[in-house]
Amino acid sequence: MLSYERLSKKPLLFKSFTSLTVQEFDDIYDKEIMKRYHDYEIQRLSKGKDRKRYIGAGRPFKLDLENRFLSLLIYYRLYITYTLAGFLFDIDQSNICRDIQKIENLIRECVPIPQKIFKKTKRLRNPEEVEQYFPGFLAFIDCT
């Protein structure tokens, strides 16, 4: 199972997986994310809901905040699927998806991460649609 503890012992892999050194990761985590997380969670959980239970009364995250931050960085750096990320962190792909979505806005405030070009994904059916989304795209080859 991949974790901060394991990956931080291999600084070259850590840098290639996250684009940050272990020291940069620690600084951002300690000085930015940990400082903002509590207020961010209260705001996220209070937004437009008539709560019946106390904040924090639900099921806890399987990964701690440090490993959720790590999983988000690896997801964006390596462009892996949720299935592979879930396998690496030993949780279900739906959980990794939810974990990333729930802290993505907080991380975006602290670290520049890539923005998705298109909010909604759709299958392109003809060359005109491909040209609309990818101007100048000539061809692709399917070698299956």
Protein backbone atom coordinates (compact mmCIF):
# COMPACT_ATOMS: atom_id res chain seq x y z
CA MET A 1 0.00 0.00 0.00
CA LEU A 2 1.30 3.43 -0.93
CA SER A 3 1.48 5.98 1.88
CA TYR A 4 3.31 9.15 2.79
CA GLU A 5 5.47 7.23 5.26
CA ARG A 6 6.63 4.78 2.58
CA LEU A 7 7.03 7.21 -0.30
CA SER A 8 8.83 9.89 1.74
CA LYS A 9 11.67 7.41 2.33
CA LYS A 10 12.38 7.49 -1.42
CA PRO A 11 12.86 11.19 -2.26
CA LEU A 12 13.45 10.72 -6.00
CA LEU A 13 10.24 8.72 -6.41
CA PHE A 14 8.39 11.20 -4.21
CA LYS A 15 9.50 14.08 -6.44
CA SER A 16 8.56 12.26 -9.65
CA PHE A 17 5.17 11.16 -8.28
CA THR A 18 4.14 14.52 -6.80
CA SER A 19 6.40 17.16 -8.43
CA LEU A 20 7.33 18.29 -4.90
CA THR A 21 10.25 17.42 -2.70
CA VAL A 22 9.46 15.85 0.66
CA GLN A 23 10.41 19.12 2.36
CA GLU A 24 8.14 21.18 0.07
CA PHE A 25 5.29 18.75 0.70
CA ASP A 26 5.81 18.97 4.46
CA ASP A 27 5.94 22.78 4.39
CA ILE A 28 2.73 23.09 2.37
CA TYR A 29 0.99 20.48 4.48
CA ASP A 30 2.03 21.95 7.84
CA LYS A 31 1.81 25.66 7.04
CA GLU A 32 -1.14 25.79 4.67
CA ILE A 33 -3.35 22.73 4.60
CA MET A 34 -3.40 21.82 8.28
CA LYS A 35 -3.98 25.46 9.18
CA ARG A 36 -7.00 25.82 6.86
CA TYR A 37 -8.49 22.32 6.98
CA HIS A 38 -10.70 22.60 10.07
CA ASP A 39 -12.44 25.78 8.90
CA TYR A 40 -12.70 24.41 5.36
CA GLU A 41 -14.41 21.21 6.57
CA ILE A 42 -16.88 23.11 8.74
CA GLN A 43 -17.75 25.38 5.81
CA ARG A 44 -18.02 22.43 3.40
CA LEU A 45 -20.26 20.43 5.71
CA SER A 46 -22.44 23.40 6.66
CA LYS A 47 -23.08 24.64 3.14
CA GLY A 48 -26.80 24.72 2.39
CA LYS A 49 -27.78 21.71 4.48
CA ASP A 50 -30.23 21.24 7.30
CA ARG A 51 -28.08 18.94 9.38
CA LYS A 52 -29.63 16.32 11.62
CA ARG A 53 -26.33 15.11 13.03
CA TYR A 54 -23.28 16.89 14.32
CA ILE A 55 -20.43 17.71 11.97
CA GLY A 56 -18.01 14.82 12.13
CA ALA A 57 -20.64 12.28 13.17
CA GLY A 58 -20.39 10.32 9.91
CA ARG A 59 -17.97 7.63 8.85
CA PRO A 60 -14.37 8.83 9.06
CA PHE A 61 -12.08 8.89 6.04
CA LYS A 62 -9.98 5.76 5.65
CA LEU A 63 -6.97 7.86 4.63
CA ASP A 64 -5.74 10.63 6.87
CA LEU A 65 -5.45 14.16 5.48
CA GLU A 66 -1.76 13.79 4.66
CA ASN A 67 -2.39 10.70 2.50
CA ARG A 68 -5.45 12.28 0.86
CA PHE A 69 -3.27 15.26 -0.08
CA LEU A 70 -0.64 12.84 -1.42
CA SER A 71 -3.23 10.90 -3.43
CA LEU A 72 -4.54 14.11 -5.01
CA LEU A 73 -1.03 15.21 -6.02
CA ILE A 74 -0.25 11.80 -7.50
CA TYR A 75 -3.59 11.72 -9.33
CA TYR A 76 -2.95 15.10 -10.95
CA ARG A 77 0.77 14.61 -11.58
CA LEU A 78 0.60 11.15 -13.17
CA TYR A 79 -2.91 11.35 -14.67
CA ILE A 80 -3.80 7.92 -13.35
CA THR A 81 -7.32 6.56 -13.13
CA TYR A 82 -9.31 6.39 -9.89
CA THR A 83 -9.09 2.62 -10.19
CA LEU A 84 -5.28 2.66 -10.09
CA ALA A 85 -5.18 5.33 -7.37
CA GLY A 86 -7.58 3.25 -5.28
CA PHE A 87 -5.42 0.18 -5.76
CA LEU A 88 -2.26 2.07 -4.79
CA PHE A 89 -3.81 3.47 -1.61
CA ASP A 90 -5.79 0.29 -0.84
CA ILE A 91 -9.26 1.86 -0.97
CA ASP A 92 -12.15 1.60 -3.40
CA GLN A 93 -12.03 3.77 -6.52
CA SER A 94 -15.25 5.52 -5.52
CA ASN A 95 -13.68 6.47 -2.18
CA ILE A 96 -10.58 7.90 -3.82
CA CYS A 97 -12.82 9.90 -6.15
CA ARG A 98 -14.82 11.33 -3.22
CA ASP A 99 -11.67 11.97 -1.17
CA ILE A 100 -10.10 13.96 -3.99
CA GLN A 101 -13.28 15.91 -4.74
CA LYS A 102 -13.79 16.84 -1.09
CA ILE A 103 -10.34 18.38 -0.59
CA GLU A 104 -9.66 19.60 -4.13
CA ASN A 105 -10.83 23.18 -3.51
CA LEU A 106 -8.76 23.47 -0.34
CA ILE A 107 -5.64 22.18 -2.10
CA ARG A 108 -6.28 24.50 -5.04
CA GLU A 109 -6.06 27.45 -2.61
CA CYS A 110 -2.63 26.26 -1.41
CA VAL A 111 -1.00 24.69 -4.48
CA PRO A 112 -1.52 25.35 -8.19
CA ILE A 113 -3.03 22.18 -9.62
CA PRO A 114 -4.25 21.82 -13.21
CA GLN A 115 -7.81 22.83 -13.99
CA LYS A 116 -9.95 20.41 -15.99
CA ILE A 117 -10.45 21.78 -19.48
CA PHE A 118 -13.99 20.48 -19.84
CA LYS A 119 -16.35 20.07 -16.89
CA LYS A 120 -18.46 17.46 -18.67
CA THR A 121 -16.93 14.55 -20.54
CA LYS A 122 -18.63 13.28 -23.65
CA ARG A 123 -17.79 10.93 -26.46
CA LEU A 124 -16.87 12.71 -29.66
CA ARG A 125 -18.68 11.06 -32.53
CA ASN A 126 -17.42 12.71 -35.71
CA PRO A 127 -14.39 14.63 -37.02
CA GLU A 128 -16.19 17.98 -36.70
CA GLU A 129 -16.68 17.49 -32.92
CA VAL A 130 -13.03 16.44 -32.55
CA GLU A 131 -11.96 19.59 -34.43
CA GLN A 132 -14.16 21.74 -32.18
CA TYR A 133 -12.48 20.51 -28.97
CA PHE A 134 -8.99 19.89 -30.38
CA PRO A 135 -8.26 22.37 -33.18
CA GLY A 136 -5.54 21.20 -35.53
CA PHE A 137 -5.75 17.58 -34.36
CA LEU A 138 -5.00 15.49 -37.44
CA ALA A 139 -5.35 11.81 -36.57
CA PHE A 140 -4.97 9.13 -33.95
CA ILE A 141 -4.11 5.48 -34.27
CA ASP A 142 -5.79 2.70 -32.34
CA CYS A 143 -3.34 -0.19 -32.12
CA THR A 144 -5.50 -2.69 -30.26
